[in-house]
Structures are given as structure tokens and as C-alpha cells.
Amino acid sequence: MASIEIYTKPTCPYCHWAKVLFTRKQVPFQENPIDGDVDLREEMIVRSGRTTVPQIFIDGKHVGGCDDLHALDTHGGLDLLLK
């Protein structure tokens, strides 16, 4: 099973939608909430090159944000990465 990390904020609807997709697929994920954690936010920015949440990594590979994740799923690429 793939290792999934999601950098999130609790009030972010896109974070919620990304987590719902993984939950619907019954795939466990590690949530890294960055609100109030400057070091974790900086880690996310360094790893992804982006400042917005969510930022999603599958097996250490950056796949982008919520829209990127759903596009990957729509085109069949997400299930391949989750194997």
C-alpha cells in the first residue's frame, strides 16, 4: 500500500475533499496539520514549492493539491499510484 501524506488546515474545504477521496477509496493517510506550526508549514513549502493547502505526497512524490488529486483520479492515475 502506498504511503500518503497530506499537509492540511482544519478550515480548508479542499483539504476535506482530498481526505474524503482517500477515505472513500479506503486508503489510510497521514495528515500533517500546518496551522500554528511554522516549521511544518516551511517543510511543506520546501517539499512542494507551494504555499497553499492541501499539498499531497504519495510515496514521497508530490502530486499537488486537491484539484490535481481529483484530476489524477479522473484520468485513472491515482489508483496506479495507490497500489
PDB file of N, CA and C in Angstrom:
ATOM      1  N   MET A   1       0.838  -1.181   0.000  1.00  0.00           N
ATOM      2  CA  MET A   1       0.000   0.000   0.000  1.00  0.00           C
ATOM      3  C   MET A   1       0.881   1.242   0.000  1.00  0.00           C
ATOM      4  N   ALA A   2       0.450   2.246  -0.708  1.00  0.00           N
ATOM      5  CA  ALA A   2       1.197   3.492  -0.821  1.00  0.00           C
ATOM      6  C   ALA A   2       1.166   4.265   0.497  1.00  0.00           C
ATOM      7  N   SER A   3       2.208   5.044   0.706  1.00  0.00           N
ATOM      8  CA  SER A   3       2.295   5.940   1.857  1.00  0.00           C
ATOM      9  C   SER A   3       1.819   7.324   1.415  1.00  0.00           C
ATOM     10  N   ILE A   4       0.811   7.853   2.105  1.00  0.00           N
ATOM     11  CA  ILE A   4       0.214   9.128   1.710  1.00  0.00           C
ATOM     12  C   ILE A   4       0.349  10.138   2.836  1.00  0.00           C
ATOM     13  N   GLU A   5       0.838  11.327   2.478  1.00  0.00           N
ATOM     14  CA  GLU A   5       0.938  12.446   3.421  1.00  0.00           C
ATOM     15  C   GLU A   5       0.151  13.618   2.846  1.00  0.00           C
ATOM     16  N   ILE A   6      -0.629  14.268   3.716  1.00  0.00           N
ATOM     17  CA  ILE A   6      -1.397  15.441   3.299  1.00  0.00           C
ATOM     18  C   ILE A   6      -1.150  16.563   4.304  1.00  0.00           C
ATOM     19  N   TYR A   7      -0.627  17.676   3.815  1.00  0.00           N
ATOM     20  CA  TYR A   7      -0.494  18.881   4.639  1.00  0.00           C
ATOM     21  C   TYR A   7      -1.824  19.613   4.564  1.00  0.00           C
ATOM     22  N   THR A   8      -2.393  19.936   5.736  1.00  0.00           N
ATOM     23  CA  THR A   8      -3.748  20.478   5.784  1.00  0.00           C
ATOM     24  C   THR A   8      -3.887  21.635   6.767  1.00  0.00           C
ATOM     25  N   LYS A   9      -5.050  22.281   6.679  1.00  0.00           N
ATOM     26  CA  LYS A   9      -5.552  23.218   7.696  1.00  0.00           C
ATOM     27  C   LYS A   9      -6.986  22.793   7.975  1.00  0.00           C
ATOM     28  N   PRO A  10      -7.441  22.893   9.214  1.00  0.00           N
ATOM     29  CA  PRO A  10      -8.772  22.387   9.563  1.00  0.00           C
ATOM     30  C   PRO A  10      -9.931  23.111   8.880  1.00  0.00           C
ATOM     31  N   THR A  11      -9.758  24.357   8.499  1.00  0.00           N
ATOM     32  CA  THR A  11     -10.858  25.112   7.892  1.00  0.00           C
ATOM     33  C   THR A  11     -10.849  25.067   6.369  1.00  0.00           C
ATOM     34  N   CYS A  12      -9.966  24.295   5.789  1.00  0.00           N
ATOM     35  CA  CYS A  12      -9.796  24.256   4.330  1.00  0.00           C
ATOM     36  C   CYS A  12     -10.736  23.225   3.700  1.00  0.00           C
ATOM     37  N   PRO A  13     -11.695  23.685   2.870  1.00  0.00           N
ATOM     38  CA  PRO A  13     -12.603  22.724   2.233  1.00  0.00           C
ATOM     39  C   PRO A  13     -11.895  21.809   1.238  1.00  0.00           C
ATOM     40  N   TYR A  14     -10.846  22.300   0.601  1.00  0.00           N
ATOM     41  CA  TYR A  14     -10.102  21.461  -0.349  1.00  0.00           C
ATOM     42  C   TYR A  14      -9.375  20.330   0.378  1.00  0.00           C
ATOM     43  N   CYS A  15      -8.889  20.619   1.567  1.00  0.00           N
ATOM     44  CA  CYS A  15      -8.258  19.579   2.389  1.00  0.00           C
ATOM     45  C   CYS A  15      -9.282  18.505   2.716  1.00  0.00           C
ATOM     46  N   HIS A  16     -10.472  18.939   3.085  1.00  0.00           N
ATOM     47  CA  HIS A  16     -11.546  17.998   3.410  1.00  0.00           C
ATOM     48  C   HIS A  16     -11.865  17.112   2.208  1.00  0.00           C
ATOM     49  N   TRP A  17     -12.003  17.698   1.024  1.00  0.00           N
ATOM     50  CA  TRP A  17     -12.353  16.929  -0.176  1.00  0.00           C
ATOM     51  C   TRP A  17     -11.259  15.929  -0.545  1.00  0.00           C
ATOM     52  N   ALA A  18     -10.003  16.309  -0.346  1.00  0.00           N
ATOM     53  CA  ALA A  18      -8.903  15.375  -0.623  1.00  0.00           C
ATOM     54  C   ALA A  18      -8.962  14.198   0.347  1.00  0.00           C
ATOM     55  N   LYS A  19      -9.201  14.483   1.626  1.00  0.00           N
ATOM     56  CA  LYS A  19      -9.289  13.418   2.621  1.00  0.00           C
ATOM     57  C   LYS A  19     -10.497  12.514   2.361  1.00  0.00           C
ATOM     58  N   VAL A  20     -11.595  13.098   1.919  1.00  0.00           N
ATOM     59  CA  VAL A  20     -12.787  12.303   1.591  1.00  0.00           C
ATOM     60  C   VAL A  20     -12.480  11.329   0.460  1.00  0.00           C
ATOM     61  N   LEU A  21     -11.757  11.766  -0.540  1.00  0.00           N
ATOM     62  CA  LEU A  21     -11.413  10.886  -1.659  1.00  0.00           C
ATOM     63  C   LEU A  21     -10.605   9.684  -1.170  1.00  0.00           C
ATOM     64  N   PHE A  22      -9.585   9.926  -0.348  1.00  0.00           N
ATOM     65  CA  PHE A  22      -8.790   8.814   0.170  1.00  0.00           C
ATOM     66  C   PHE A  22      -9.623   7.912   1.080  1.00  0.00           C
ATOM     67  N   THR A  23     -10.485   8.499   1.876  1.00  0.00           N
ATOM     68  CA  THR A  23     -11.344   7.713   2.758  1.00  0.00           C
ATOM     69  C   THR A  23     -12.303   6.848   1.944  1.00  0.00           C
ATOM     70  N   ARG A  24     -12.876   7.433   0.901  1.00  0.00           N
ATOM     71  CA  ARG A  24     -13.783   6.684   0.021  1.00  0.00           C
ATOM     72  C   ARG A  24     -13.072   5.505  -0.645  1.00  0.00           C
ATOM     73  N   LYS A  25     -11.794   5.691  -0.954  1.00  0.00           N
ATOM     74  CA  LYS A  25     -11.007   4.617  -1.554  1.00  0.00           C
ATOM     75  C   LYS A  25     -10.435   3.673  -0.492  1.00  0.00           C
ATOM     76  N   GLN A  26     -10.736   3.944   0.761  1.00  0.00           N
ATOM     77  CA  GLN A  26     -10.282   3.139   1.896  1.00  0.00           C
ATOM     78  C   GLN A  26      -8.756   3.044   1.958  1.00  0.00           C
ATOM     79  N   VAL A  27      -8.130   4.201   1.763  1.00  0.00           N
ATOM     80  CA  VAL A  27      -6.674   4.298   1.794  1.00  0.00           C
ATOM     81  C   VAL A  27      -6.270   5.135   3.000  1.00  0.00           C
ATOM     82  N   PRO A  28      -5.444   4.594   3.898  1.00  0.00           N
ATOM     83  CA  PRO A  28      -5.007   5.394   5.046  1.00  0.00           C
ATOM     84  C   PRO A  28      -4.039   6.491   4.615  1.00  0.00           C
ATOM     85  N   PHE A  29      -4.048   7.577   5.363  1.00  0.00           N
ATOM     86  CA  PHE A  29      -3.145   8.688   5.059  1.00  0.00           C
ATOM     87  C   PHE A  29      -2.688   9.324   6.359  1.00  0.00           C
ATOM     88  N   GLN A  30      -1.535   9.981   6.260  1.00  0.00           N
ATOM     89  CA  GLN A  30      -1.004  10.739   7.391  1.00  0.00           C
ATOM     90  C   GLN A  30      -1.341  12.201   7.159  1.00  0.00           C
ATOM     91  N   GLU A  31      -2.064  12.783   8.087  1.00  0.00           N
ATOM     92  CA  GLU A  31      -2.418  14.193   7.984  1.00  0.00           C
ATOM     93  C   GLU A  31      -1.424  15.023   8.775  1.00  0.00           C
ATOM     94  N   ASN A  32      -0.868  16.049   8.125  1.00  0.00           N
ATOM     95  CA  ASN A  32       0.083  16.959   8.760  1.00  0.00           C
ATOM     96  C   ASN A  32      -0.553  18.347   8.840  1.00  0.00           C
ATOM     97  N   PRO A  33      -1.249  18.663   9.940  1.00  0.00           N
ATOM     98  CA  PRO A  33      -1.886  19.977  10.058  1.00  0.00           C
ATOM     99  C   PRO A  33      -0.848  21.077  10.296  1.00  0.00           C
ATOM    100  N   ILE A  34      -0.832  22.065   9.408  1.00  0.00           N
ATOM    101  CA  ILE A  34       0.201  23.101   9.485  1.00  0.00           C
ATOM    102  C   ILE A  34      -0.247  24.339  10.242  1.00  0.00           C
ATOM    103  N   ASP A  35      -1.530  24.433  10.602  1.00  0.00           N
ATOM    104  CA  ASP A  35      -1.994  25.616  11.313  1.00  0.00           C
ATOM    105  C   ASP A  35      -1.283  25.732  12.655  1.00  0.00           C
ATOM    106  N   GLY A  36      -0.643  26.862  12.859  1.00  0.00           N
ATOM    107  CA  GLY A  36       0.080  27.103  14.103  1.00  0.00           C
ATOM    108  C   GLY A  36       1.442  26.445  14.189  1.00  0.00           C
ATOM    109  N   ASP A  37       1.861  25.738  13.154  1.00  0.00           N
ATOM    110  CA  ASP A  37       3.160  25.055  13.170  1.00  0.00           C
ATOM    111  C   ASP A  37       4.026  25.608  12.041  1.00  0.00           C
ATOM    112  N   VAL A  38       4.805  26.617  12.369  1.00  0.00           N
ATOM    113  CA  VAL A  38       5.625  27.306  11.367  1.00  0.00           C
ATOM    114  C   VAL A  38       6.633  26.361  10.725  1.00  0.00           C
ATOM    115  N   ASP A  39       7.226  25.489  11.508  1.00  0.00           N
ATOM    116  CA  ASP A  39       8.227  24.555  10.979  1.00  0.00           C
ATOM    117  C   ASP A  39       7.605  23.569   9.993  1.00  0.00           C
ATOM    118  N   LEU A  40       6.440  23.044  10.326  1.00  0.00           N
ATOM    119  CA  LEU A  40       5.771  22.100   9.433  1.00  0.00           C
ATOM    120  C   LEU A  40       5.321  22.796   8.154  1.00  0.00           C
ATOM    121  N   ARG A  41       4.858  24.039   8.266  1.00  0.00           N
ATOM    122  CA  ARG A  41       4.477  24.816   7.074  1.00  0.00           C
ATOM    123  C   ARG A  41       5.688  25.025   6.176  1.00  0.00           C
ATOM    124  N   GLU A  42       6.826  25.368   6.768  1.00  0.00           N
ATOM    125  CA  GLU A  42       8.055  25.571   5.994  1.00  0.00           C
ATOM    126  C   GLU A  42       8.482  24.267   5.320  1.00  0.00           C
ATOM    127  N   GLU A  43       8.353  23.166   6.029  1.00  0.00           N
ATOM    128  CA  GLU A  43       8.673  21.856   5.445  1.00  0.00           C
ATOM    129  C   GLU A  43       7.814  21.601   4.210  1.00  0.00           C
ATOM    130  N   MET A  44       6.510  21.905   4.310  1.00  0.00           N
ATOM    131  CA  MET A  44       5.599  21.722   3.187  1.00  0.00           C
ATOM    132  C   MET A  44       6.025  22.567   1.991  1.00  0.00           C
ATOM    133  N   ILE A  45       6.376  23.809   2.253  1.00  0.00           N
ATOM    134  CA  ILE A  45       6.772  24.719   1.168  1.00  0.00           C
ATOM    135  C   ILE A  45       8.045  24.227   0.497  1.00  0.00           C
ATOM    136  N   VAL A  46       9.010  23.796   1.287  1.00  0.00           N
ATOM    137  CA  VAL A  46      10.271  23.294   0.727  1.00  0.00           C
ATOM    138  C   VAL A  46      10.011  22.049  -0.120  1.00  0.00           C
ATOM    139  N   ARG A  47       9.191  21.146   0.392  1.00  0.00           N
ATOM    140  CA  ARG A  47       8.928  19.894  -0.321  1.00  0.00           C
ATOM    141  C   ARG A  47       8.108  20.092  -1.586  1.00  0.00           C
ATOM    142  N   SER A  48       7.124  20.988  -1.530  1.00  0.00           N
ATOM    143  CA  SER A  48       6.180  21.115  -2.643  1.00  0.00           C
ATOM    144  C   SER A  48       6.452  22.308  -3.548  1.00  0.00           C
ATOM    145  N   GLY A  49       7.112  23.334  -3.015  1.00  0.00           N
ATOM    146  CA  GLY A  49       7.280  24.560  -3.775  1.00  0.00           C
ATOM    147  C   GLY A  49       6.022  25.409  -3.791  1.00  0.00           C
ATOM    148  N   ARG A  50       5.046  25.041  -2.974  1.00  0.00           N
ATOM    149  CA  ARG A  50       3.764  25.750  -2.937  1.00  0.00           C
ATOM    150  C   ARG A  50       3.448  26.177  -1.505  1.00  0.00           C
ATOM    151  N   THR A  51       2.607  27.213  -1.393  1.00  0.00           N
ATOM    152  CA  THR A  51       2.251  27.733  -0.070  1.00  0.00           C
ATOM    153  C   THR A  51       0.809  27.432   0.323  1.00  0.00           C
ATOM    154  N   THR A  52       0.036  26.845  -0.579  1.00  0.00           N
ATOM    155  CA  THR A  52      -1.370  26.570  -0.308  1.00  0.00           C
ATOM    156  C   THR A  52      -1.568  25.129   0.162  1.00  0.00           C
ATOM    157  N   VAL A  53      -2.692  24.904   0.854  1.00  0.00           N
ATOM    158  CA  VAL A  53      -3.044  23.556   1.267  1.00  0.00           C
ATOM    159  C   VAL A  53      -4.305  23.119   0.528  1.00  0.00           C
ATOM    160  N   PRO A  54      -4.484  21.825   0.360  1.00  0.00           N
ATOM    161  CA  PRO A  54      -3.594  20.764   0.797  1.00  0.00           C
ATOM    162  C   PRO A  54      -2.426  20.589  -0.170  1.00  0.00           C
ATOM    163  N   GLN A  55      -1.375  20.001   0.327  1.00  0.00           N
ATOM    164  CA  GLN A  55      -0.289  19.509  -0.515  1.00  0.00           C
ATOM    165  C   GLN A  55      -0.185  18.021  -0.221  1.00  0.00           C
ATOM    166  N   ILE A  56      -0.196  17.235  -1.283  1.00  0.00           N
ATOM    167  CA  ILE A  56      -0.339  15.791  -1.158  1.00  0.00           C
ATOM    168  C   ILE A  56       0.881  15.094  -1.749  1.00  0.00           C
ATOM    169  N   PHE A  57       1.368  14.111  -0.991  1.00  0.00           N
ATOM    170  CA  PHE A  57       2.512  13.307  -1.410  1.00  0.00           C
ATOM    171  C   PHE A  57       2.123  11.838  -1.340  1.00  0.00           C
ATOM    172  N   ILE A  58       2.442  11.103  -2.394  1.00  0.00           N
ATOM    173  CA  ILE A  58       2.220   9.658  -2.419  1.00  0.00           C
ATOM    174  C   ILE A  58       3.574   9.001  -2.627  1.00  0.00           C
ATOM    175  N   ASP A  59       3.952   8.176  -1.658  1.00  0.00           N
ATOM    176  CA  ASP A  59       5.281   7.542  -1.645  1.00  0.00           C
ATOM    177  C   ASP A  59       6.397   8.571  -1.829  1.00  0.00           C
ATOM    178  N   GLY A  60       6.226   9.712  -1.182  1.00  0.00           N
ATOM    179  CA  GLY A  60       7.230  10.763  -1.208  1.00  0.00           C
ATOM    180  C   GLY A  60       7.193  11.637  -2.447  1.00  0.00           C
ATOM    181  N   LYS A  61       6.365  11.293  -3.425  1.00  0.00           N
ATOM    182  CA  LYS A  61       6.265  12.069  -4.667  1.00  0.00           C
ATOM    183  C   LYS A  61       5.133  13.084  -4.535  1.00  0.00           C
ATOM    184  N   HIS A  62       5.441  14.339  -4.837  1.00  0.00           N
ATOM    185  CA  HIS A  62       4.439  15.401  -4.761  1.00  0.00           C
ATOM    186  C   HIS A  62       3.458  15.252  -5.918  1.00  0.00           C
ATOM    187  N   VAL A  63       2.171  15.128  -5.582  1.00  0.00           N
ATOM    188  CA  VAL A  63       1.151  15.037  -6.627  1.00  0.00           C
ATOM    189  C   VAL A  63       0.353  16.323  -6.753  1.00  0.00           C
ATOM    190  N   GLY A  64       0.561  17.274  -5.850  1.00  0.00           N
ATOM    191  CA  GLY A  64      -0.103  18.566  -5.947  1.00  0.00           C
ATOM    192  C   GLY A  64      -1.167  18.755  -4.889  1.00  0.00           C
ATOM    193  N   GLY A  65      -2.167  19.556  -5.252  1.00  0.00           N
ATOM    194  CA  GLY A  65      -3.252  19.877  -4.333  1.00  0.00           C
ATOM    195  C   GLY A  65      -4.502  19.067  -4.643  1.00  0.00           C
ATOM    196  N   CYS A  66      -5.614  19.528  -4.139  1.00  0.00           N
ATOM    197  CA  CYS A  66      -6.881  18.814  -4.275  1.00  0.00           C
ATOM    198  C   CYS A  66      -7.302  18.680  -5.742  1.00  0.00           C
ATOM    199  N   ASP A  67      -7.240  19.772  -6.489  1.00  0.00           N
ATOM    200  CA  ASP A  67      -7.627  19.711  -7.900  1.00  0.00           C
ATOM    201  C   ASP A  67      -6.735  18.744  -8.668  1.00  0.00           C
ATOM    202  N   ASP A  68      -5.437  18.765  -8.382  1.00  0.00           N
ATOM    203  CA  ASP A  68      -4.505  17.847  -9.032  1.00  0.00           C
ATOM    204  C   ASP A  68      -4.850  16.398  -8.688  1.00  0.00           C
ATOM    205  N   LEU A  69      -5.176  16.158  -7.416  1.00  0.00           N
ATOM    206  CA  LEU A  69      -5.524  14.814  -6.961  1.00  0.00           C
ATOM    207  C   LEU A  69      -6.768  14.308  -7.673  1.00  0.00           C
ATOM    208  N   HIS A  70      -7.800  15.130  -7.741  1.00  0.00           N
ATOM    209  CA  HIS A  70      -9.045  14.705  -8.387  1.00  0.00           C
ATOM    210  C   HIS A  70      -8.859  14.526  -9.890  1.00  0.00           C
ATOM    211  N   ALA A  71      -8.043  15.353 -10.523  1.00  0.00           N
ATOM    212  CA  ALA A  71      -7.756  15.174 -11.954  1.00  0.00           C
ATOM    213  C   ALA A  71      -7.020  13.853 -12.177  1.00  0.00           C
ATOM    214  N   LEU A  72      -6.070  13.557 -11.306  1.00  0.00           N
ATOM    215  CA  LEU A  72      -5.335  12.296 -11.392  1.00  0.00           C
ATOM    216  C   LEU A  72      -6.296  11.120 -11.261  1.00  0.00           C
ATOM    217  N   ASP A  73      -7.248  11.224 -10.340  1.00  0.00           N
ATOM    218  CA  ASP A  73      -8.229  10.164 -10.147  1.00  0.00           C
ATOM    219  C   ASP A  73      -9.137  10.031 -11.367  1.00  0.00           C
ATOM    220  N   THR A  74      -9.585  11.140 -11.907  1.00  0.00           N
ATOM    221  CA  THR A  74     -10.473  11.124 -13.071  1.00  0.00           C
ATOM    222  C   THR A  74      -9.830  10.429 -14.266  1.00  0.00           C
ATOM    223  N   HIS A  75      -8.524  10.604 -14.408  1.00  0.00           N
ATOM    224  CA  HIS A  75      -7.805  10.021 -15.547  1.00  0.00           C
ATOM    225  C   HIS A  75      -7.224   8.641 -15.237  1.00  0.00           C
ATOM    226  N   GLY A  76      -7.537   8.076 -14.078  1.00  0.00           N
ATOM    227  CA  GLY A  76      -7.104   6.730 -13.746  1.00  0.00           C
ATOM    228  C   GLY A  76      -5.705   6.606 -13.174  1.00  0.00           C
ATOM    229  N   GLY A  77      -5.024   7.709 -12.994  1.00  0.00           N
ATOM    230  CA  GLY A  77      -3.650   7.658 -12.500  1.00  0.00           C
ATOM    231  C   GLY A  77      -3.522   7.452 -11.005  1.00  0.00           C
ATOM    232  N   LEU A  78      -4.540   7.854 -10.253  1.00  0.00           N
ATOM    233  CA  LEU A  78      -4.446   7.742  -8.798  1.00  0.00           C
ATOM    234  C   LEU A  78      -4.408   6.287  -8.357  1.00  0.00           C
ATOM    235  N   ASP A  79      -5.282   5.466  -8.895  1.00  0.00           N
ATOM    236  CA  ASP A  79      -5.297   4.058  -8.494  1.00  0.00           C
ATOM    237  C   ASP A  79      -3.971   3.373  -8.780  1.00  0.00           C
ATOM    238  N   LEU A  80      -3.301   3.763  -9.847  1.00  0.00           N
ATOM    239  CA  LEU A  80      -1.979   3.199 -10.150  1.00  0.00           C
ATOM    240  C   LEU A  80      -0.962   3.574  -9.074  1.00  0.00           C
ATOM    241  N   LEU A  81      -1.019   4.806  -8.599  1.00  0.00           N
ATOM    242  CA  LEU A  81      -0.082   5.257  -7.565  1.00  0.00           C
ATOM    243  C   LEU A  81      -0.387   4.628  -6.208  1.00  0.00           C
ATOM    244  N   LEU A  82      -1.628   4.257  -5.977  1.00  0.00           N
ATOM    245  CA  LEU A  82      -2.027   3.726  -4.680  1.00  0.00           C
ATOM    246  C   LEU A  82      -1.712   2.244  -4.509  1.00  0.00           C
ATOM    247  N   LYS A  83      -1.373   1.562  -5.581  1.00  0.00           N
ATOM    248  CA  LYS A  83      -1.073   0.119  -5.499  1.00  0.00           C
ATOM    249  C   LYS A  83       0.190  -0.143  -4.732  1.00  0.00           C
TER     250      LYS A  83
END
